[in-house]
Amino acid sequence: MNDLLSFKNDGTELVATNYWQSEYAAGGYVYLTINAGCFRLLIPPRGLSLEDMREASVVLITRAPWPEMNKHDALEILFEDNSDAPFCLHIVPEQADSMPAERDRDRPGQPPKWTFAVYTEQGKQFELPVRYRLAKKLPCLKPWAE
């Protein structure tokens, strides 16, 4: 994708973006933008079912290599709903405006450091707490270990 994406922020809130008119959105690709301690997932117009995501009580974001796809870096976004089959996405760095650093990971026994918001072209749909962690490889698909 060659689109230059722009984001206008007000703290954690995404105020404006050209994502909805981009090749990413037209191709059905989600995009992750991070600002002020909030992961914001942008869903394309012909996108995913938000209902599967809304069932979650927390979002687990895991950063690791993704050997099956020959990627040395990727993110797993798991919507933890305490079921046997939570909704999950895997994205590559090209689908994010930045990648969170190792020092930004959450620690067991401490409250979440991040928030997570899902946006459609109609605006913010919902917000959840998020836990960010590192793993040896993706897919991880494990619950958060306190």
C-alpha atoms as a PDB file:
ATOM      1  CA  MET A   1       0.000   0.000   0.000  1.00  0.00           C
ATOM      2  CA  ASN A   2       1.329   3.389  -0.883  1.00  0.00           C
ATOM      3  CA  ASP A   3      -1.263   5.525   0.848  1.00  0.00           C
ATOM      4  CA  LEU A   4       0.071   8.118   3.256  1.00  0.00           C
ATOM      5  CA  LEU A   5      -2.336   7.931   6.141  1.00  0.00           C
ATOM      6  CA  SER A   6      -3.034  10.896   8.382  1.00  0.00           C
ATOM      7  CA  PHE A   7      -4.521  11.003  11.863  1.00  0.00           C
ATOM      8  CA  LYS A   8      -5.801  13.961  13.868  1.00  0.00           C
ATOM      9  CA  ASN A   9      -5.907  13.219  17.582  1.00  0.00           C
ATOM     10  CA  ASP A  10      -7.347  14.727  20.723  1.00  0.00           C
ATOM     11  CA  GLY A  11      -5.538  12.672  23.365  1.00  0.00           C
ATOM     12  CA  THR A  12      -6.760   9.099  23.014  1.00  0.00           C
ATOM     13  CA  GLU A  13      -9.600  10.131  20.687  1.00  0.00           C
ATOM     14  CA  LEU A  14      -9.216   9.853  16.917  1.00  0.00           C
ATOM     15  CA  VAL A  15     -10.778  13.057  15.578  1.00  0.00           C
ATOM     16  CA  ALA A  16     -10.109  12.637  11.842  1.00  0.00           C
ATOM     17  CA  THR A  17      -8.315  10.316   9.424  1.00  0.00           C
ATOM     18  CA  ASN A  18      -8.107   9.660   5.695  1.00  0.00           C
ATOM     19  CA  TYR A  19      -7.997   5.879   6.333  1.00  0.00           C
ATOM     20  CA  TRP A  20     -11.614   5.425   5.168  1.00  0.00           C
ATOM     21  CA  GLN A  21     -10.646   6.666   1.678  1.00  0.00           C
ATOM     22  CA  SER A  22      -7.385   4.689   1.549  1.00  0.00           C
ATOM     23  CA  GLU A  23      -6.282   1.548  -0.285  1.00  0.00           C
ATOM     24  CA  TYR A  24      -6.151  -0.164   3.121  1.00  0.00           C
ATOM     25  CA  ALA A  25      -9.864   0.359   3.733  1.00  0.00           C
ATOM     26  CA  ALA A  26     -10.805  -0.395   0.112  1.00  0.00           C
ATOM     27  CA  GLY A  27      -8.825  -3.653   0.323  1.00  0.00           C
ATOM     28  CA  GLY A  28     -10.564  -4.695   3.548  1.00  0.00           C
ATOM     29  CA  TYR A  29      -7.474  -4.296   5.758  1.00  0.00           C
ATOM     30  CA  VAL A  30      -7.774  -3.190   9.371  1.00  0.00           C
ATOM     31  CA  TYR A  31      -5.296  -0.573  10.575  1.00  0.00           C
ATOM     32  CA  LEU A  32      -3.929   0.037  14.071  1.00  0.00           C
ATOM     33  CA  THR A  33      -2.952   3.501  15.212  1.00  0.00           C
ATOM     34  CA  ILE A  34      -1.537   4.215  18.665  1.00  0.00           C
ATOM     35  CA  ASN A  35      -1.756   7.515  20.525  1.00  0.00           C
ATOM     36  CA  ALA A  36      -1.668   8.642  24.157  1.00  0.00           C
ATOM     37  CA  GLY A  37      -1.768   5.100  25.564  1.00  0.00           C
ATOM     38  CA  CYS A  38      -4.637   3.940  23.367  1.00  0.00           C
ATOM     39  CA  PHE A  39      -4.556   1.320  20.630  1.00  0.00           C
ATOM     40  CA  ARG A  40      -7.185   2.353  18.029  1.00  0.00           C
ATOM     41  CA  LEU A  41      -8.292  -0.348  15.582  1.00  0.00           C
ATOM     42  CA  LEU A  42      -9.803   1.030  12.369  1.00  0.00           C
ATOM     43  CA  ILE A  43     -12.287  -1.310  10.688  1.00  0.00           C
ATOM     44  CA  PRO A  44     -12.884  -0.977   6.916  1.00  0.00           C
ATOM     45  CA  PRO A  45     -16.428  -0.301   5.631  1.00  0.00           C
ATOM     46  CA  ARG A  46     -16.865  -3.895   4.425  1.00  0.00           C
ATOM     47  CA  GLY A  47     -15.244  -5.015   7.606  1.00  0.00           C
ATOM     48  CA  LEU A  48     -15.555  -7.389  10.446  1.00  0.00           C
ATOM     49  CA  SER A  49     -18.464  -8.118  12.737  1.00  0.00           C
ATOM     50  CA  LEU A  50     -18.217  -5.846  15.728  1.00  0.00           C
ATOM     51  CA  GLU A  51     -20.467  -8.160  17.724  1.00  0.00           C
ATOM     52  CA  ASP A  52     -17.686 -10.761  18.066  1.00  0.00           C
ATOM     53  CA  MET A  53     -15.378  -8.037  19.390  1.00  0.00           C
ATOM     54  CA  ARG A  54     -17.935  -6.528  21.791  1.00  0.00           C
ATOM     55  CA  GLU A  55     -18.218  -9.837  23.670  1.00  0.00           C
ATOM     56  CA  ALA A  56     -14.696  -9.330  25.060  1.00  0.00           C
ATOM     57  CA  SER A  57     -13.883  -8.165  28.563  1.00  0.00           C
ATOM     58  CA  VAL A  58     -10.267  -7.342  27.659  1.00  0.00           C
ATOM     59  CA  VAL A  59      -8.095  -7.207  24.536  1.00  0.00           C
ATOM     60  CA  LEU A  60      -4.763  -9.049  24.601  1.00  0.00           C
ATOM     61  CA  ILE A  61      -2.165  -7.680  22.203  1.00  0.00           C
ATOM     62  CA  THR A  62       0.848  -9.903  21.698  1.00  0.00           C
ATOM     63  CA  ARG A  63       3.950  -8.916  19.740  1.00  0.00           C
ATOM     64  CA  ALA A  64       6.184 -11.661  18.342  1.00  0.00           C
ATOM     65  CA  PRO A  65       7.610 -13.154  15.157  1.00  0.00           C
ATOM     66  CA  TRP A  66       5.041 -14.923  12.953  1.00  0.00           C
ATOM     67  CA  PRO A  67       7.048 -17.753  11.367  1.00  0.00           C
ATOM     68  CA  GLU A  68       4.103 -19.315   9.481  1.00  0.00           C
ATOM     69  CA  MET A  69       3.847 -16.097   7.452  1.00  0.00           C
ATOM     70  CA  ASN A  70       7.622 -15.474   7.236  1.00  0.00           C
ATOM     71  CA  LYS A  71       7.272 -12.299   9.311  1.00  0.00           C
ATOM     72  CA  HIS A  72       9.909 -11.393  11.882  1.00  0.00           C
ATOM     73  CA  ASP A  73       7.443  -9.062  13.623  1.00  0.00           C
ATOM     74  CA  ALA A  74       3.650  -9.046  13.966  1.00  0.00           C
ATOM     75  CA  LEU A  75       0.811  -8.402  16.378  1.00  0.00           C
ATOM     76  CA  GLU A  76      -1.947 -10.680  17.592  1.00  0.00           C
ATOM     77  CA  ILE A  77      -5.110  -8.896  18.735  1.00  0.00           C
ATOM     78  CA  LEU A  78      -7.188 -11.295  20.800  1.00  0.00           C
ATOM     79  CA  PHE A  79     -10.616 -10.246  22.097  1.00  0.00           C
ATOM     80  CA  GLU A  80     -10.745 -12.292  25.314  1.00  0.00           C
ATOM     81  CA  ASP A  81     -14.325 -13.330  26.040  1.00  0.00           C
ATOM     82  CA  ASN A  82     -13.483 -16.378  28.192  1.00  0.00           C
ATOM     83  CA  SER A  83     -14.750 -18.718  25.473  1.00  0.00           C
ATOM     84  CA  ASP A  84     -12.911 -21.550  23.735  1.00  0.00           C
ATOM     85  CA  ALA A  85     -12.804 -19.532  20.522  1.00  0.00           C
ATOM     86  CA  PRO A  86     -12.279 -15.783  21.124  1.00  0.00           C
ATOM     87  CA  PHE A  87     -12.212 -13.451  18.114  1.00  0.00           C
ATOM     88  CA  CYS A  88      -8.617 -12.847  17.008  1.00  0.00           C
ATOM     89  CA  LEU A  89      -6.755 -10.853  14.350  1.00  0.00           C
ATOM     90  CA  HIS A  90      -3.126 -11.037  13.253  1.00  0.00           C
ATOM     91  CA  ILE A  91      -1.579  -7.979  11.634  1.00  0.00           C
ATOM     92  CA  VAL A  92       1.837  -7.033  10.281  1.00  0.00           C
ATOM     93  CA  PRO A  93       3.738  -3.772  10.925  1.00  0.00           C
ATOM     94  CA  GLU A  94       2.515  -2.345   7.599  1.00  0.00           C
ATOM     95  CA  GLN A  95      -0.968  -2.307   9.152  1.00  0.00           C
ATOM     96  CA  ALA A  96       0.108  -0.111  12.077  1.00  0.00           C
ATOM     97  CA  ASP A  97       1.445   3.415  12.344  1.00  0.00           C
ATOM     98  CA  SER A  98       3.878   2.249  15.038  1.00  0.00           C
ATOM     99  CA  MET A  99       4.704  -0.849  17.040  1.00  0.00           C
ATOM    100  CA  PRO A 100       4.663  -0.746  20.836  1.00  0.00           C
ATOM    101  CA  ALA A 101       8.061  -1.126  22.499  1.00  0.00           C
ATOM    102  CA  GLU A 102       9.160  -3.919  24.815  1.00  0.00           C
ATOM    103  CA  ARG A 103       9.268  -1.469  27.752  1.00  0.00           C
ATOM    104  CA  ASP A 104       5.558  -0.714  27.194  1.00  0.00           C
ATOM    105  CA  ARG A 105       4.388  -4.230  28.032  1.00  0.00           C
ATOM    106  CA  ASP A 106       2.019  -4.870  30.889  1.00  0.00           C
ATOM    107  CA  ARG A 107       3.149  -6.735  33.989  1.00  0.00           C
ATOM    108  CA  PRO A 108       1.134  -9.386  35.850  1.00  0.00           C
ATOM    109  CA  GLY A 109      -0.289  -8.056  39.100  1.00  0.00           C
ATOM    110  CA  GLN A 110      -0.440  -4.469  37.827  1.00  0.00           C
ATOM    111  CA  PRO A 111      -3.464  -2.685  36.340  1.00  0.00           C
ATOM    112  CA  PRO A 112      -3.645  -2.356  32.524  1.00  0.00           C
ATOM    113  CA  LYS A 113      -1.453   0.442  31.116  1.00  0.00           C
ATOM    114  CA  TRP A 114      -3.404   0.807  27.857  1.00  0.00           C
ATOM    115  CA  THR A 115      -6.886   1.207  26.445  1.00  0.00           C
ATOM    116  CA  PHE A 116      -8.229  -0.164  23.177  1.00  0.00           C
ATOM    117  CA  ALA A 117     -10.844   1.493  20.971  1.00  0.00           C
ATOM    118  CA  VAL A 118     -12.561   0.206  17.845  1.00  0.00           C
ATOM    119  CA  TYR A 119     -13.441   2.764  15.155  1.00  0.00           C
ATOM    120  CA  THR A 120     -15.571   2.516  12.047  1.00  0.00           C
ATOM    121  CA  GLU A 121     -16.257   5.282   9.574  1.00  0.00           C
ATOM    122  CA  GLN A 122     -19.134   6.287  11.867  1.00  0.00           C
ATOM    123  CA  GLY A 123     -16.725   6.943  14.768  1.00  0.00           C
ATOM    124  CA  LYS A 124     -15.699   5.173  17.964  1.00  0.00           C
ATOM    125  CA  GLN A 125     -17.811   2.079  18.559  1.00  0.00           C
ATOM    126  CA  PHE A 126     -16.519   0.909  21.943  1.00  0.00           C
ATOM    127  CA  GLU A 127     -13.507   0.864  24.247  1.00  0.00           C
ATOM    128  CA  LEU A 128     -11.968  -1.931  26.330  1.00  0.00           C
ATOM    129  CA  PRO A 129      -8.967  -2.379  28.620  1.00  0.00           C
ATOM    130  CA  VAL A 130      -5.983  -3.953  26.915  1.00  0.00           C
ATOM    131  CA  ARG A 131      -2.964  -5.967  28.003  1.00  0.00           C
ATOM    132  CA  TYR A 132       0.190  -5.770  25.902  1.00  0.00           C
ATOM    133  CA  ARG A 133       2.752  -8.580  26.064  1.00  0.00           C
ATOM    134  CA  LEU A 134       5.608 -10.223  24.183  1.00  0.00           C
ATOM    135  CA  ALA A 135       5.826 -13.864  23.095  1.00  0.00           C
ATOM    136  CA  LYS A 136       8.293 -16.126  21.320  1.00  0.00           C
ATOM    137  CA  LYS A 137       6.021 -16.589  18.278  1.00  0.00           C
ATOM    138  CA  LEU A 138       2.530 -16.109  16.892  1.00  0.00           C
ATOM    139  CA  PRO A 139      -0.076 -17.368  17.048  1.00  0.00           C
ATOM    140  CA  CYS A 140      -0.066 -17.165  20.846  1.00  0.00           C
ATOM    141  CA  LEU A 141      -3.808 -17.411  21.640  1.00  0.00           C
ATOM    142  CA  LYS A 142      -3.211 -17.699  25.387  1.00  0.00           C
ATOM    143  CA  PRO A 143      -5.178 -15.972  28.134  1.00  0.00           C
ATOM    144  CA  TRP A 144      -3.557 -13.259  30.224  1.00  0.00           C
ATOM    145  CA  ALA A 145      -1.541 -14.832  33.046  1.00  0.00           C
ATOM    146  CA  GLU A 146      -1.803 -12.942  36.323  1.00  0.00           C
END
